Structures are given as C-alpha cells and as structure tokens.
Amino acid sequence: MRIAIYDFDRTLTRRATFTPFLIFAARRVASWRLTLLPLWLFAMLAYRLGAMSRARLKLFGMQLLVGRRAHSELEALGSQFAARVLADDGLMPGTLHLLEEDRKAGARLILATAAFDVYAKAFATALRFDEVVATRWEGFERVPDNCYADTKLASVLDRQPAIGEARTRFVSDSFADAPLLDRVSEPIFATTSNRKAKKAAARGWRVIDPREI
C-alpha cells in the first residue's frame, strides 16, 4: 500500500488561503464587512504576539468577515473560491507534478490541512484527492480543533493508522508539520527559501522548490 499526504497552504497553493477566502466570501455575502479588514489585521498581529491562539483567530475571522451562514452556503462559497484560485493559476506546479506522480503510482491521496473543510474539500475534489483531513467548521459555538502540528498527526493517524507501516510520502512547506514529516518514510519539504531548505535538509528531509517541475 502506498499513501501520499499533501499539506495545502503554500505547499499546493502559491499563497495562504484563509484571508483570501474571508475576503472572497465577504464580497459575495456582505460587502460592508470589508470595512472591518483593519480589525482582522489587528487580530493577526495579536496572534503573532501570542495574545490569541490560532484556532481563536480563525473563529474571529469567520465572525468578523463572513458572519453566520448555513453550512451549505459556506460550502458553496468554498467551491466558488476554489474555482477562482484554480482559474487564477494559484497552485504550485512542482507540487502538482509530485501529486500526478503519486496518482499514477496508485497511491491513496490525502489532503491534510489546517484550512477549514468548507473550502478544503472543494480543492480536494477538484484535484482528485481520495480523502481530506481538515479543520472542521462547526459554527461559532465551538472553538475549532485546528488541524495543525501534533493535532494534524493525530488526525491523520486516526484515519490512516497504517502510515507507520505503509510506504508514505508527506509533502509540506511548514516546520509545524515536523511531527508528521518525521513519522513517514518519505518526508518532502517544499520551500523557496534557502535558509529553510538547509534546515529541512539537516533533518534528513528531501527538499523541493514547489514552483519547479
């Protein structure tokens, strides 16, 4: 059995997707919310200073720029957002080449991301992944279990306990994914930074430039 796991933001996509998704959604459902963008920038600064957790930051972003929406409406917005990113050449060609290699090899393709499932699933469908492990959107009453770092490893193991035995590739651009990168047989670090490339290589991970085939 062969398993290929891919991170999403800046691994498959050219840039992070959460803020672009918030702006995209706000423009379509309540354009007046775009006037609140300075508050979102302030919240991101608070997160970087350690005053807010990553999960609470994401919850705040949804409250601020999207508001209460039915899950089906959020999924529809997610599909539209995915279509826009794909149409705008928003994916990394080098990573897509690896993905196609894995597909031809018959690997089970898993998208593992901290992005909310309401739009991550749309990308997974478009890119023909077999499975999605993402942060579940469960409304404003619950702080989401952010699918990040050790939580991502636990979530993937819950779905695919065989990754310790099967030939498994994991491609990521983030050192936060070290728990999963260190667990698989073929860790691949995707970066355009020489500094990060050297750091990843020192850990024994294969390094690629996701922009290049």
Protein backbone atom coordinates (compact mmCIF):
# COMPACT_ATOMS: atom_id res chain seq x y z
CA MET A 1 0.00 0.00 0.00
CA ARG A 2 1.25 3.46 -0.88
CA ILE A 3 -0.03 6.65 0.76
CA ALA A 4 0.71 10.22 -0.32
CA ILE A 5 -0.25 13.06 2.00
CA TYR A 6 -0.16 16.71 1.00
CA ASP A 7 -0.33 19.86 3.04
CA PHE A 8 -2.32 22.66 1.42
CA ASP A 9 -1.41 26.31 2.04
CA ARG A 10 1.89 27.24 0.35
CA THR A 11 2.52 23.58 -0.44
CA LEU A 12 -0.12 23.13 -3.11
CA THR A 13 -1.16 26.78 -3.28
CA ARG A 14 1.08 29.72 -4.09
CA ARG A 15 -0.07 31.60 -1.00
CA ALA A 16 -2.03 31.11 2.19
CA THR A 17 -5.77 30.81 1.60
CA PHE A 18 -7.64 31.78 4.76
CA THR A 19 -7.54 35.57 4.46
CA PRO A 20 -8.25 35.41 0.70
CA PHE A 21 -11.23 33.13 1.46
CA LEU A 22 -12.56 35.57 4.06
CA ILE A 23 -12.30 38.48 1.62
CA PHE A 24 -13.81 36.43 -1.21
CA ALA A 25 -16.76 35.40 0.98
CA ALA A 26 -17.31 38.90 2.37
CA ARG A 27 -17.50 40.37 -1.12
CA ARG A 28 -20.24 37.93 -2.04
CA VAL A 29 -22.40 37.81 1.07
CA ALA A 30 -21.89 41.13 2.88
CA SER A 31 -19.53 43.55 1.16
CA TRP A 32 -19.90 46.05 4.02
CA ARG A 33 -17.82 43.67 6.14
CA LEU A 34 -14.76 44.59 4.06
CA THR A 35 -14.66 47.83 6.05
CA LEU A 36 -13.73 45.63 9.04
CA LEU A 37 -10.50 44.40 7.45
CA PRO A 38 -8.34 46.66 9.69
CA LEU A 39 -9.72 44.75 12.69
CA TRP A 40 -8.66 41.50 11.03
CA LEU A 41 -5.14 42.84 10.53
CA PHE A 42 -5.07 43.83 14.21
CA ALA A 43 -6.21 40.32 15.19
CA MET A 44 -3.43 38.73 13.12
CA LEU A 45 -0.93 40.98 14.88
CA ALA A 46 -2.36 39.89 18.24
CA TYR A 47 -1.89 36.26 17.20
CA ARG A 48 1.73 36.85 16.21
CA LEU A 49 2.34 38.49 19.58
CA GLY A 50 0.89 35.45 21.35
CA ALA A 51 -2.28 37.14 22.59
CA MET A 52 -4.61 34.84 20.63
CA SER A 53 -4.50 31.18 19.65
CA ARG A 54 -4.51 30.12 16.01
CA ALA A 55 -7.92 28.46 16.44
CA ARG A 56 -9.50 31.53 18.06
CA LEU A 57 -8.00 33.75 15.37
CA LYS A 58 -9.72 31.69 12.68
CA LEU A 59 -13.02 31.73 14.57
CA PHE A 60 -12.77 35.51 14.92
CA GLY A 61 -12.06 35.89 11.21
CA MET A 62 -15.20 33.96 10.31
CA GLN A 63 -17.29 36.00 12.76
CA LEU A 64 -15.88 39.29 11.51
CA LEU A 65 -15.88 38.87 7.74
CA VAL A 66 -18.38 36.10 6.96
CA GLY A 67 -20.93 36.00 9.76
CA ARG A 68 -23.48 33.30 10.49
CA ARG A 69 -24.14 31.25 7.37
CA ALA A 70 -25.68 27.87 6.76
CA HIS A 71 -23.10 25.15 6.27
CA SER A 72 -24.39 24.58 2.74
CA GLU A 73 -23.86 28.26 1.92
CA LEU A 74 -20.30 28.14 3.23
CA GLU A 75 -19.60 25.05 1.13
CA ALA A 76 -20.99 26.83 -1.94
CA LEU A 77 -18.71 29.79 -1.24
CA GLY A 78 -15.84 27.34 -0.78
CA SER A 79 -16.50 25.79 -4.19
CA GLN A 80 -16.59 29.22 -5.83
CA PHE A 81 -13.39 30.22 -4.06
CA ALA A 82 -11.61 27.04 -5.17
CA ALA A 83 -12.70 27.62 -8.75
CA ARG A 84 -11.32 31.16 -8.62
CA VAL A 85 -7.93 30.08 -7.24
CA LEU A 86 -7.61 27.32 -9.83
CA ALA A 87 -8.60 29.68 -12.66
CA ASP A 88 -6.02 32.24 -11.48
CA ASP A 89 -3.14 29.73 -11.66
CA GLY A 90 -2.93 29.70 -7.88
CA LEU A 91 -1.25 26.30 -7.48
CA MET A 92 2.40 25.26 -7.30
CA PRO A 93 3.45 23.39 -10.48
CA GLY A 94 6.21 21.40 -8.78
CA THR A 95 3.87 20.06 -6.12
CA LEU A 96 1.22 19.28 -8.73
CA HIS A 97 3.83 17.26 -10.62
CA LEU A 98 4.52 15.17 -7.50
CA LEU A 99 0.79 14.73 -6.98
CA GLU A 100 0.41 13.39 -10.51
CA GLU A 101 3.34 11.01 -9.93
CA ASP A 102 1.61 9.64 -6.85
CA ARG A 103 -1.70 9.30 -8.66
CA LYS A 104 -0.08 7.31 -11.48
CA ALA A 105 1.66 5.10 -8.90
CA GLY A 106 -1.72 4.21 -7.43
CA ALA A 107 -1.17 5.94 -4.09
CA ARG A 108 -4.04 6.85 -1.82
CA LEU A 109 -4.05 10.65 -1.96
CA ILE A 110 -4.81 12.54 1.25
CA LEU A 111 -5.09 16.30 1.66
CA ALA A 112 -4.14 17.16 5.27
CA THR A 113 -4.64 20.80 6.12
CA ALA A 114 -5.44 23.28 8.85
CA ALA A 115 -7.79 25.01 6.39
CA PHE A 116 -11.50 24.78 7.11
CA ASP A 117 -13.22 21.85 5.47
CA VAL A 118 -15.88 24.10 3.91
CA TYR A 119 -13.39 25.08 1.22
CA ALA A 120 -10.60 22.49 1.57
CA LYS A 121 -13.00 19.79 0.34
CA ALA A 122 -13.68 21.74 -2.85
CA PHE A 123 -9.96 21.85 -3.66
CA ALA A 124 -9.62 18.16 -2.82
CA THR A 125 -12.45 17.29 -5.20
CA ALA A 126 -11.00 19.41 -8.00
CA LEU A 127 -7.55 17.85 -7.54
CA ARG A 128 -8.98 14.32 -7.21
CA PHE A 129 -7.81 13.52 -3.70
CA ASP A 130 -9.22 10.37 -2.13
CA GLU A 131 -9.55 11.79 1.36
CA VAL A 132 -9.48 15.09 3.25
CA VAL A 133 -8.25 15.70 6.79
CA ALA A 134 -9.05 19.33 7.62
CA THR A 135 -10.20 21.64 10.39
CA ARG A 136 -13.93 21.04 10.79
CA TRP A 137 -16.19 24.08 10.74
CA GLU A 138 -18.77 23.54 13.49
CA GLY A 139 -20.10 27.05 13.91
CA PHE A 140 -19.37 29.82 16.38
CA GLU A 141 -20.38 27.90 19.49
CA ARG A 142 -17.19 25.85 19.49
CA VAL A 143 -13.54 26.79 19.06
CA PRO A 144 -12.33 24.56 16.21
CA ASP A 145 -9.79 21.79 16.74
CA ASN A 146 -7.21 23.29 14.42
CA CYS A 147 -5.71 20.53 12.24
CA TYR A 148 -2.15 21.72 12.81
CA ALA A 149 1.14 20.31 14.11
CA ASP A 150 0.55 17.42 16.56
CA THR A 151 -3.21 17.63 16.00
CA LYS A 152 -2.68 17.04 12.28
CA LEU A 153 -0.55 13.98 13.03
CA ALA A 154 -3.21 12.59 15.37
CA SER A 155 -5.98 13.27 12.85
CA VAL A 156 -4.10 11.55 10.04
CA LEU A 157 -3.25 8.55 12.23
CA ASP A 158 -6.90 8.29 13.22
CA ARG A 159 -7.83 7.97 9.54
CA GLN A 160 -4.77 6.07 8.35
CA PRO A 161 -3.10 4.14 11.20
CA ALA A 162 -1.03 2.25 8.61
CA ILE A 163 1.22 5.21 7.78
CA GLY A 164 3.91 3.82 10.05
CA GLU A 165 3.96 0.60 8.03
CA ALA A 166 2.97 1.60 4.50
CA ARG A 167 5.23 3.47 2.12
CA THR A 168 4.10 7.01 2.87
CA ARG A 169 5.08 10.35 1.38
CA PHE A 170 4.21 13.62 3.06
CA VAL A 171 4.79 16.96 1.35
CA SER A 172 4.67 20.16 3.40
CA ASP A 173 6.11 23.66 3.49
CA SER A 174 5.84 24.08 7.26
CA PHE A 175 8.10 23.07 10.14
CA ALA A 176 4.91 22.90 12.21
CA ASP A 177 4.30 19.66 10.29
CA ALA A 178 7.51 18.13 11.68
CA PRO A 179 5.59 15.53 13.75
CA LEU A 180 4.10 14.04 10.58
CA LEU A 181 7.18 14.60 8.42
CA ASP A 182 9.26 12.66 10.95
CA ARG A 183 6.70 9.85 11.04
CA VAL A 184 6.56 8.99 7.32
CA SER A 185 9.04 7.05 5.20
CA GLU A 186 9.39 9.80 2.58
CA PRO A 187 9.27 13.32 4.04
CA ILE A 188 9.42 16.12 1.46
CA PHE A 189 9.80 19.76 2.40
CA ALA A 190 8.59 22.30 -0.17
CA THR A 191 10.19 25.73 0.05
CA THR A 192 11.56 28.62 -1.96
CA SER A 193 13.78 29.72 0.94
CA ASN A 194 17.46 28.71 1.02
CA ARG A 195 17.52 29.08 4.80
CA LYS A 196 14.54 26.78 5.28
CA ALA A 197 15.90 24.35 2.70
CA LYS A 198 19.14 23.96 4.66
CA LYS A 199 17.26 23.49 7.92
CA ALA A 200 14.99 20.84 6.38
CA ALA A 201 17.90 19.01 4.72
CA ALA A 202 19.68 18.90 8.08
CA ARG A 203 16.71 16.94 9.42
CA GLY A 204 17.06 14.40 6.63
CA TRP A 205 14.06 15.57 4.64
CA ARG A 206 14.12 15.75 0.86
CA VAL A 207 13.75 19.37 -0.28
CA ILE A 208 11.98 20.61 -3.41
CA ASP A 209 11.18 24.00 -4.89
CA PRO A 210 7.39 23.77 -5.34
CA ARG A 211 7.50 26.24 -8.22
CA GLU A 212 9.66 23.99 -10.38
CA ILE A 213 8.85 20.71 -12.12
